[in-house]
C-alpha cells in the first residue's frame, strides 16, 4: 500500500473540514439560539457589565469554564460527528 504525502493528507483534511462545516454550523446554532434567548430573559445585563473581565472574580472563573466546555463540545462534534444535547439553563 502506498503512503499518502503530507500534501495529500492536508488536502483530505481540508476536504473533510469543508464537508463538516455546514453540519458544525447547524449544531452550533442549535446551541446558540436557546442560550441567547435564556440570557436575554434572565441576564440581559451580562453584555453590558462584562464582569468576567474583572481579575479574580467568580464571573471570570465561570466564563473560562464555560469557554472550555464550549470548545470541548466543538471538539466532540468534529471528532465524532455526533450531535450533543443542548445545555440550556433550567429556570
PDB file of N, CA and C in Angstrom:
ATOM      1  N   UNK A   1       0.840  -1.163   0.000  1.00  0.00           N
ATOM      2  CA  UNK A   1       0.000   0.000   0.000  1.00  0.00           C
ATOM      3  C   UNK A   1       0.894   1.238   0.000  1.00  0.00           C
ATOM      4  N   UNK A   2       0.538   2.195  -0.807  1.00  0.00           N
ATOM      5  CA  UNK A   2       1.322   3.407  -0.961  1.00  0.00           C
ATOM      6  C   UNK A   2       0.910   4.454   0.068  1.00  0.00           C
ATOM      7  N   UNK A   3       1.870   5.088   0.698  1.00  0.00           N
ATOM      8  CA  UNK A   3       1.574   6.119   1.680  1.00  0.00           C
ATOM      9  C   UNK A   3       1.224   7.430   0.977  1.00  0.00           C
ATOM     10  N   UNK A   4       0.316   8.179   1.612  1.00  0.00           N
ATOM     11  CA  UNK A   4      -0.038   9.488   1.060  1.00  0.00           C
ATOM     12  C   UNK A   4       0.962  10.525   1.539  1.00  0.00           C
ATOM     13  N   UNK A   5       1.233  11.492   0.691  1.00  0.00           N
ATOM     14  CA  UNK A   5       2.149  12.569   1.064  1.00  0.00           C
ATOM     15  C   UNK A   5       1.461  13.499   2.054  1.00  0.00           C
ATOM     16  N   UNK A   6       2.247  14.334   2.710  1.00  0.00           N
ATOM     17  CA  UNK A   6       1.659  15.294   3.653  1.00  0.00           C
ATOM     18  C   UNK A   6       0.723  16.249   2.923  1.00  0.00           C
ATOM     19  N   UNK A   7       1.023  16.561   1.677  1.00  0.00           N
ATOM     20  CA  UNK A   7       0.138  17.426   0.886  1.00  0.00           C
ATOM     21  C   UNK A   7      -1.201  16.736   0.658  1.00  0.00           C
ATOM     22  N   UNK A   8      -1.181  15.442   0.321  1.00  0.00           N
ATOM     23  CA  UNK A   8      -2.424  14.704   0.113  1.00  0.00           C
ATOM     24  C   UNK A   8      -3.225  14.603   1.406  1.00  0.00           C
ATOM     25  N   UNK A   9      -2.524  14.355   2.518  1.00  0.00           N
ATOM     26  CA  UNK A   9      -3.219  14.281   3.813  1.00  0.00           C
ATOM     27  C   UNK A   9      -3.839  15.625   4.155  1.00  0.00           C
ATOM     28  N   UNK A  10      -3.115  16.710   3.905  1.00  0.00           N
ATOM     29  CA  UNK A  10      -3.645  18.044   4.177  1.00  0.00           C
ATOM     30  C   UNK A  10      -4.870  18.351   3.335  1.00  0.00           C
ATOM     31  N   UNK A  11      -4.835  17.961   2.063  1.00  0.00           N
ATOM     32  CA  UNK A  11      -5.979  18.173   1.175  1.00  0.00           C
ATOM     33  C   UNK A  11      -7.179  17.373   1.658  1.00  0.00           C
ATOM     34  N   UNK A  12      -6.959  16.147   2.088  1.00  0.00           N
ATOM     35  CA  UNK A  12      -8.052  15.313   2.601  1.00  0.00           C
ATOM     36  C   UNK A  12      -8.651  15.915   3.864  1.00  0.00           C
ATOM     37  N   UNK A  13      -7.811  16.425   4.746  1.00  0.00           N
ATOM     38  CA  UNK A  13      -8.292  17.038   5.994  1.00  0.00           C
ATOM     39  C   UNK A  13      -9.116  18.284   5.687  1.00  0.00           C
ATOM     40  N   UNK A  14      -8.644  19.116   4.756  1.00  0.00           N
ATOM     41  CA  UNK A  14      -9.397  20.318   4.389  1.00  0.00           C
ATOM     42  C   UNK A  14     -10.732  19.952   3.758  1.00  0.00           C
ATOM     43  N   UNK A  15     -10.731  18.912   2.942  1.00  0.00           N
ATOM     44  CA  UNK A  15     -11.961  18.459   2.307  1.00  0.00           C
ATOM     45  C   UNK A  15     -12.964  17.997   3.363  1.00  0.00           C
ATOM     46  N   UNK A  16     -12.504  17.244   4.352  1.00  0.00           N
ATOM     47  CA  UNK A  16     -13.374  16.786   5.441  1.00  0.00           C
ATOM     48  C   UNK A  16     -13.910  17.986   6.219  1.00  0.00           C
ATOM     49  N   UNK A  17     -13.042  18.960   6.516  1.00  0.00           N
ATOM     50  CA  UNK A  17     -13.464  20.142   7.263  1.00  0.00           C
ATOM     51  C   UNK A  17     -14.511  20.925   6.482  1.00  0.00           C
ATOM     52  N   UNK A  18     -14.342  21.025   5.177  1.00  0.00           N
ATOM     53  CA  UNK A  18     -15.303  21.745   4.351  1.00  0.00           C
ATOM     54  C   UNK A  18     -16.652  21.030   4.338  1.00  0.00           C
ATOM     55  N   UNK A  19     -16.639  19.709   4.262  1.00  0.00           N
ATOM     56  CA  UNK A  19     -17.895  18.947   4.271  1.00  0.00           C
ATOM     57  C   UNK A  19     -18.590  19.039   5.624  1.00  0.00           C
ATOM     58  N   UNK A  20     -17.840  19.077   6.699  1.00  0.00           N
ATOM     59  CA  UNK A  20     -18.452  19.077   8.027  1.00  0.00           C
ATOM     60  C   UNK A  20     -18.841  20.473   8.491  1.00  0.00           C
ATOM     61  N   UNK A  21     -18.397  21.505   7.793  1.00  0.00           N
ATOM     62  CA  UNK A  21     -18.682  22.873   8.228  1.00  0.00           C
ATOM     63  C   UNK A  21     -20.167  23.178   8.335  1.00  0.00           C
ATOM     64  N   UNK A  22     -20.997  22.884   7.326  1.00  0.00           N
ATOM     65  CA  UNK A  22     -22.429  23.173   7.479  1.00  0.00           C
ATOM     66  C   UNK A  22     -23.046  22.428   8.657  1.00  0.00           C
ATOM     67  N   UNK A  23     -22.634  21.183   8.860  1.00  0.00           N
ATOM     68  CA  UNK A  23     -23.162  20.414   9.984  1.00  0.00           C
ATOM     69  C   UNK A  23     -22.736  21.051  11.303  1.00  0.00           C
ATOM     70  N   UNK A  24     -21.475  21.455  11.399  1.00  0.00           N
ATOM     71  CA  UNK A  24     -20.991  22.093  12.616  1.00  0.00           C
ATOM     72  C   UNK A  24     -21.723  23.399  12.864  1.00  0.00           C
ATOM     73  N   UNK A  25     -21.927  24.180  11.818  1.00  0.00           N
ATOM     74  CA  UNK A  25     -22.646  25.446  11.979  1.00  0.00           C
ATOM     75  C   UNK A  25     -24.068  25.204  12.470  1.00  0.00           C
ATOM     76  N   UNK A  26     -24.720  24.174  11.970  1.00  0.00           N
ATOM     77  CA  UNK A  26     -26.077  23.850  12.412  1.00  0.00           C
ATOM     78  C   UNK A  26     -26.079  23.434  13.884  1.00  0.00           C
ATOM     79  N   UNK A  27     -25.107  22.629  14.279  1.00  0.00           N
ATOM     80  CA  UNK A  27     -25.011  22.200  15.675  1.00  0.00           C
ATOM     81  C   UNK A  27     -24.778  23.412  16.576  1.00  0.00           C
ATOM     82  N   UNK A  28     -23.879  24.294  16.165  1.00  0.00           N
ATOM     83  CA  UNK A  28     -23.607  25.490  16.965  1.00  0.00           C
ATOM     84  C   UNK A  28     -24.841  26.377  17.067  1.00  0.00           C
ATOM     85  N   UNK A  29     -25.548  26.545  15.974  1.00  0.00           N
ATOM     86  CA  UNK A  29     -26.749  27.381  16.002  1.00  0.00           C
ATOM     87  C   UNK A  29     -27.799  26.810  16.947  1.00  0.00           C
ATOM     88  N   UNK A  30     -27.928  25.475  16.973  1.00  0.00           N
ATOM     89  CA  UNK A  30     -28.879  24.846  17.902  1.00  0.00           C
ATOM     90  C   UNK A  30     -28.504  25.117  19.352  1.00  0.00           C
ATOM     91  N   UNK A  31     -27.213  25.328  19.617  1.00  0.00           N
ATOM     92  CA  UNK A  31     -26.772  25.629  20.982  1.00  0.00           C
ATOM     93  C   UNK A  31     -26.887  27.120  21.280  1.00  0.00           C
ATOM     94  N   UNK A  32     -26.543  27.948  20.293  1.00  0.00           N
ATOM     95  CA  UNK A  32     -26.505  29.397  20.489  1.00  0.00           C
ATOM     96  C   UNK A  32     -27.904  29.983  20.695  1.00  0.00           C
ATOM     97  N   UNK A  33     -28.852  29.597  19.870  1.00  0.00           N
ATOM     98  CA  UNK A  33     -30.183  30.202  19.905  1.00  0.00           C
ATOM     99  C   UNK A  33     -30.863  30.095  21.270  1.00  0.00           C
ATOM    100  N   UNK A  34     -30.992  28.898  21.850  1.00  0.00           N
ATOM    101  CA  UNK A  34     -31.681  28.838  23.149  1.00  0.00           C
ATOM    102  C   UNK A  34     -30.898  29.519  24.270  1.00  0.00           C
ATOM    103  N   UNK A  35     -29.571  29.444  24.213  1.00  0.00           N
ATOM    104  CA  UNK A  35     -28.789  30.126  25.255  1.00  0.00           C
ATOM    105  C   UNK A  35     -28.910  31.640  25.144  1.00  0.00           C
ATOM    106  N   UNK A  36     -28.924  32.143  23.930  1.00  0.00           N
ATOM    107  CA  UNK A  36     -29.095  33.590  23.731  1.00  0.00           C
ATOM    108  C   UNK A  36     -30.451  34.041  24.237  1.00  0.00           C
ATOM    109  N   UNK A  37     -31.470  33.236  23.969  1.00  0.00           N
ATOM    110  CA  UNK A  37     -32.816  33.551  24.450  1.00  0.00           C
ATOM    111  C   UNK A  37     -32.852  33.545  25.979  1.00  0.00           C
ATOM    112  N   UNK A  38     -32.229  32.549  26.577  1.00  0.00           N
ATOM    113  CA  UNK A  38     -32.203  32.469  28.047  1.00  0.00           C
ATOM    114  C   UNK A  38     -31.493  33.688  28.632  1.00  0.00           C
ATOM    115  N   UNK A  39     -30.346  34.034  28.072  1.00  0.00           N
ATOM    116  CA  UNK A  39     -29.606  35.198  28.561  1.00  0.00           C
ATOM    117  C   UNK A  39     -30.422  36.480  28.428  1.00  0.00           C
ATOM    118  N   UNK A  40     -31.105  36.645  27.322  1.00  0.00           N
ATOM    119  CA  UNK A  40     -31.928  37.847  27.117  1.00  0.00           C
ATOM    120  C   UNK A  40     -33.040  37.936  28.157  1.00  0.00           C
ATOM    121  N   UNK A  41     -33.605  36.795  28.534  1.00  0.00           N
ATOM    122  CA  UNK A  41     -34.695  36.777  29.508  1.00  0.00           C
ATOM    123  C   UNK A  41     -34.216  36.906  30.946  1.00  0.00           C
ATOM    124  N   UNK A  42     -33.094  36.279  31.279  1.00  0.00           N
ATOM    125  CA  UNK A  42     -32.677  36.167  32.672  1.00  0.00           C
ATOM    126  C   UNK A  42     -31.488  37.039  33.068  1.00  0.00           C
ATOM    127  N   UNK A  43     -30.697  37.443  32.113  1.00  0.00           N
ATOM    128  CA  UNK A  43     -29.493  38.217  32.456  1.00  0.00           C
ATOM    129  C   UNK A  43     -29.113  39.184  31.331  1.00  0.00           C
ATOM    130  N   UNK A  44     -30.024  40.077  30.960  1.00  0.00           N
ATOM    131  CA  UNK A  44     -29.734  40.987  29.848  1.00  0.00           C
ATOM    132  C   UNK A  44     -28.579  41.945  30.137  1.00  0.00           C
ATOM    133  N   UNK A  45     -28.207  42.090  31.378  1.00  0.00           N
ATOM    134  CA  UNK A  45     -27.137  42.992  31.788  1.00  0.00           C
ATOM    135  C   UNK A  45     -25.742  42.440  31.494  1.00  0.00           C
ATOM    136  N   UNK A  46     -25.647  41.136  31.220  1.00  0.00           N
ATOM    137  CA  UNK A  46     -24.337  40.495  31.050  1.00  0.00           C
ATOM    138  C   UNK A  46     -23.482  41.154  29.970  1.00  0.00           C
ATOM    139  N   UNK A  47     -24.076  41.437  28.845  1.00  0.00           N
ATOM    140  CA  UNK A  47     -23.301  42.001  27.731  1.00  0.00           C
ATOM    141  C   UNK A  47     -22.737  43.370  28.100  1.00  0.00           C
ATOM    142  N   UNK A  48     -23.475  44.147  28.855  1.00  0.00           N
ATOM    143  CA  UNK A  48     -23.007  45.486  29.223  1.00  0.00           C
ATOM    144  C   UNK A  48     -22.031  45.444  30.401  1.00  0.00           C
ATOM    145  N   UNK A  49     -22.292  44.587  31.378  1.00  0.00           N
ATOM    146  CA  UNK A  49     -21.453  44.555  32.582  1.00  0.00           C
ATOM    147  C   UNK A  49     -20.048  44.029  32.318  1.00  0.00           C
ATOM    148  N   UNK A  50     -19.940  42.976  31.538  1.00  0.00           N
ATOM    149  CA  UNK A  50     -18.649  42.357  31.239  1.00  0.00           C
ATOM    150  C   UNK A  50     -17.865  42.024  32.516  1.00  0.00           C
ATOM    151  N   UNK A  51     -18.580  41.532  33.539  1.00  0.00           N
ATOM    152  CA  UNK A  51     -17.958  41.231  34.828  1.00  0.00           C
ATOM    153  C   UNK A  51     -16.892  40.145  34.723  1.00  0.00           C
ATOM    154  N   UNK A  52     -16.933  39.343  33.677  1.00  0.00           N
ATOM    155  CA  UNK A  52     -15.937  38.282  33.509  1.00  0.00           C
ATOM    156  C   UNK A  52     -14.546  38.834  33.218  1.00  0.00           C
ATOM    157  N   UNK A  53     -14.453  40.116  32.942  1.00  0.00           N
ATOM    158  CA  UNK A  53     -13.145  40.727  32.674  1.00  0.00           C
ATOM    159  C   UNK A  53     -12.412  41.130  33.959  1.00  0.00           C
ATOM    160  N   UNK A  54     -13.122  41.111  35.081  1.00  0.00           N
ATOM    161  CA  UNK A  54     -12.520  41.513  36.354  1.00  0.00           C
ATOM    162  C   UNK A  54     -11.698  40.363  36.936  1.00  0.00           C
ATOM    163  N   UNK A  55     -10.398  40.592  37.043  1.00  0.00           N
ATOM    164  CA  UNK A  55      -9.456  39.590  37.550  1.00  0.00           C
ATOM    165  C   UNK A  55      -9.877  39.086  38.930  1.00  0.00           C
ATOM    166  N   UNK A  56      -9.805  37.772  39.118  1.00  0.00           N
ATOM    167  CA  UNK A  56     -10.039  37.169  40.428  1.00  0.00           C
ATOM    168  C   UNK A  56     -11.493  37.015  40.822  1.00  0.00           C
ATOM    169  N   UNK A  57     -12.429  37.226  39.906  1.00  0.00           N
ATOM    170  CA  UNK A  57     -13.842  37.121  40.272  1.00  0.00           C
ATOM    171  C   UNK A  57     -14.400  35.750  39.901  1.00  0.00           C
ATOM    172  N   UNK A  58     -15.514  35.421  40.549  1.00  0.00           N
ATOM    173  CA  UNK A  58     -16.223  34.182  40.196  1.00  0.00           C
ATOM    174  C   UNK A  58     -16.709  34.240  38.763  1.00  0.00           C
ATOM    175  N   UNK A  59     -17.131  35.427  38.349  1.00  0.00           N
ATOM    176  CA  UNK A  59     -17.625  35.580  36.979  1.00  0.00           C
ATOM    177  C   UNK A  59     -16.554  35.200  35.962  1.00  0.00           C
ATOM    178  N   UNK A  60     -15.322  35.597  36.239  1.00  0.00           N
ATOM    179  CA  UNK A  60     -14.230  35.273  35.321  1.00  0.00           C
ATOM    180  C   UNK A  60     -13.979  33.765  35.292  1.00  0.00           C
ATOM    181  N   UNK A  61     -14.009  33.140  36.452  1.00  0.00           N
ATOM    182  CA  UNK A  61     -13.817  31.690  36.510  1.00  0.00           C
ATOM    183  C   UNK A  61     -14.921  30.968  35.749  1.00  0.00           C
ATOM    184  N   UNK A  62     -16.164  31.381  35.954  1.00  0.00           N
ATOM    185  CA  UNK A  62     -17.269  30.737  35.253  1.00  0.00           C
ATOM    186  C   UNK A  62     -17.216  30.997  33.750  1.00  0.00           C
ATOM    187  N   UNK A  63     -16.775  32.175  33.345  1.00  0.00           N
ATOM    188  CA  UNK A  63     -16.645  32.459  31.919  1.00  0.00           C
ATOM    189  C   UNK A  63     -15.632  31.501  31.295  1.00  0.00           C
ATOM    190  N   UNK A  64     -14.475  31.357  31.939  1.00  0.00           N
ATOM    191  CA  UNK A  64     -13.448  30.450  31.407  1.00  0.00           C
ATOM    192  C   UNK A  64     -13.930  29.005  31.414  1.00  0.00           C
ATOM    193  N   UNK A  65     -14.643  28.626  32.448  1.00  0.00           N
ATOM    194  CA  UNK A  65     -15.190  27.272  32.498  1.00  0.00           C
ATOM    195  C   UNK A  65     -16.155  27.050  31.326  1.00  0.00           C
ATOM    196  N   UNK A  66     -17.040  27.989  31.105  1.00  0.00           N
ATOM    197  CA  UNK A  66     -17.995  27.877  30.004  1.00  0.00           C
ATOM    198  C   UNK A  66     -17.300  27.824  28.654  1.00  0.00           C
ATOM    199  N   UNK A  67     -16.242  28.579  28.518  1.00  0.00           N
ATOM    200  CA  UNK A  67     -15.493  28.585  27.262  1.00  0.00           C
ATOM    201  C   UNK A  67     -14.839  27.226  27.011  1.00  0.00           C
ATOM    202  N   UNK A  68     -14.264  26.643  28.050  1.00  0.00           N
ATOM    203  CA  UNK A  68     -13.650  25.317  27.922  1.00  0.00           C
ATOM    204  C   UNK A  68     -14.710  24.277  27.562  1.00  0.00           C
ATOM    205  N   UNK A  69     -15.871  24.352  28.181  1.00  0.00           N
ATOM    206  CA  UNK A  69     -16.951  23.411  27.870  1.00  0.00           C
ATOM    207  C   UNK A  69     -17.367  23.572  26.408  1.00  0.00           C
ATOM    208  N   UNK A  70     -17.480  24.803  25.945  1.00  0.00           N
ATOM    209  CA  UNK A  70     -17.865  25.040  24.552  1.00  0.00           C
ATOM    210  C   UNK A  70     -16.827  24.476  23.589  1.00  0.00           C
ATOM    211  N   UNK A  71     -15.566  24.716  23.861  1.00  0.00           N
ATOM    212  CA  UNK A  71     -14.513  24.184  23.000  1.00  0.00           C
ATOM    213  C   UNK A  71     -14.508  22.659  22.996  1.00  0.00           C
ATOM    214  N   UNK A  72     -14.756  22.069  24.154  1.00  0.00           N
ATOM    215  CA  UNK A  72     -14.823  20.615  24.265  1.00  0.00           C
ATOM    216  C   UNK A  72     -15.984  20.066  23.436  1.00  0.00           C
ATOM    217  N   UNK A  73     -17.124  20.755  23.483  1.00  0.00           N
ATOM    218  CA  UNK A  73     -18.277  20.331  22.687  1.00  0.00           C
ATOM    219  C   UNK A  73     -17.968  20.386  21.193  1.00  0.00           C
ATOM    220  N   UNK A  74     -17.337  21.465  20.749  1.00  0.00           N
ATOM    221  CA  UNK A  74     -16.997  21.587  19.329  1.00  0.00           C
ATOM    222  C   UNK A  74     -16.017  20.489  18.934  1.00  0.00           C
ATOM    223  N   UNK A  75     -15.047  20.222  19.792  1.00  0.00           N
ATOM    224  CA  UNK A  75     -14.086  19.151  19.507  1.00  0.00           C
ATOM    225  C   UNK A  75     -14.797  17.808  19.367  1.00  0.00           C
ATOM    226  N   UNK A  76     -15.768  17.534  20.229  1.00  0.00           N
ATOM    227  CA  UNK A  76     -16.511  16.266  20.152  1.00  0.00           C
ATOM    228  C   UNK A  76     -17.274  16.156  18.841  1.00  0.00           C
ATOM    229  N   UNK A  77     -17.879  17.247  18.411  1.00  0.00           N
ATOM    230  CA  UNK A  77     -18.608  17.218  17.147  1.00  0.00           C
ATOM    231  C   UNK A  77     -17.639  16.963  16.002  1.00  0.00           C
ATOM    232  N   UNK A  78     -16.482  17.614  16.022  1.00  0.00           N
ATOM    233  CA  UNK A  78     -15.503  17.426  14.963  1.00  0.00           C
ATOM    234  C   UNK A  78     -14.932  16.009  14.960  1.00  0.00           C
ATOM    235  N   UNK A  79     -14.673  15.471  16.129  1.00  0.00           N
ATOM    236  CA  UNK A  79     -14.098  14.120  16.221  1.00  0.00           C
ATOM    237  C   UNK A  79     -15.087  13.040  15.854  1.00  0.00           C
ATOM    238  N   UNK A  80     -16.277  13.140  16.392  1.00  0.00           N
ATOM    239  CA  UNK A  80     -17.232  12.046  16.303  1.00  0.00           C
ATOM    240  C   UNK A  80     -18.382  12.307  15.346  1.00  0.00           C
ATOM    241  N   UNK A  81     -18.566  13.548  14.958  1.00  0.00           N
ATOM    242  CA  UNK A  81     -19.674  13.881  14.085  1.00  0.00           C
ATOM    243  C   UNK A  81     -21.031  13.717  14.744  1.00  0.00           C
ATOM    244  N   UNK A  82     -21.027  13.530  16.048  1.00  0.00           N
ATOM    245  CA  UNK A  82     -22.309  13.331  16.715  1.00  0.00           C
ATOM    246  C   UNK A  82     -22.819  14.653  17.268  1.00  0.00           C
ATOM    247  N   UNK A  83     -24.104  14.722  17.353  1.00  0.00           N
ATOM    248  CA  UNK A  83     -24.728  15.930  17.874  1.00  0.00           C
ATOM    249  C   UNK A  83     -24.870  15.803  19.381  1.00  0.00           C
ATOM    250  N   UNK A  84     -24.565  16.860  20.071  1.00  0.00           N
ATOM    251  CA  UNK A  84     -24.645  16.861  21.521  1.00  0.00           C
ATOM    252  C   UNK A  84     -25.982  17.421  21.967  1.00  0.00           C
ATOM    253  N   UNK A  85     -26.520  16.943  23.070  1.00  0.00           N
ATOM    254  CA  UNK A  85     -27.778  17.504  23.557  1.00  0.00           C
ATOM    255  C   UNK A  85     -27.562  18.943  24.006  1.00  0.00           C
ATOM    256  N   UNK A  86     -28.569  19.785  23.819  1.00  0.00           N
ATOM    257  CA  UNK A  86     -28.397  21.194  24.211  1.00  0.00           C
ATOM    258  C   UNK A  86     -28.254  21.339  25.718  1.00  0.00           C
ATOM    259  N   UNK A  87     -27.455  22.294  26.104  1.00  0.00           N
ATOM    260  CA  UNK A  87     -27.292  22.621  27.533  1.00  0.00           C
ATOM    261  C   UNK A  87     -27.943  23.965  27.782  1.00  0.00           C
ATOM    262  N   UNK A  88     -29.211  23.933  28.021  1.00  0.00           N
ATOM    263  CA  UNK A  88     -29.955  25.161  28.278  1.00  0.00           C
ATOM    264  C   UNK A  88     -30.204  25.244  29.767  1.00  0.00           C
ATOM    265  N   UNK A  89     -29.911  26.406  30.362  1.00  0.00           N
ATOM    266  CA  UNK A  89     -30.135  26.542  31.806  1.00  0.00           C
ATOM    267  C   UNK A  89     -31.606  26.292  32.159  1.00  0.00           C
ATOM    268  N   UNK A  90     -31.805  25.713  33.300  1.00  0.00           N
ATOM    269  CA  UNK A  90     -33.169  25.496  33.786  1.00  0.00           C
ATOM    270  C   UNK A  90     -33.641  26.718  34.531  1.00  0.00           C
ATOM    271  N   UNK A  91     -34.912  27.018  34.374  1.00  0.00           N
ATOM    272  CA  UNK A  91     -35.481  28.175  35.085  1.00  0.00           C
ATOM    273  C   UNK A  91     -35.724  27.867  36.530  1.00  0.00           C
TER     274      UNK A  91
END
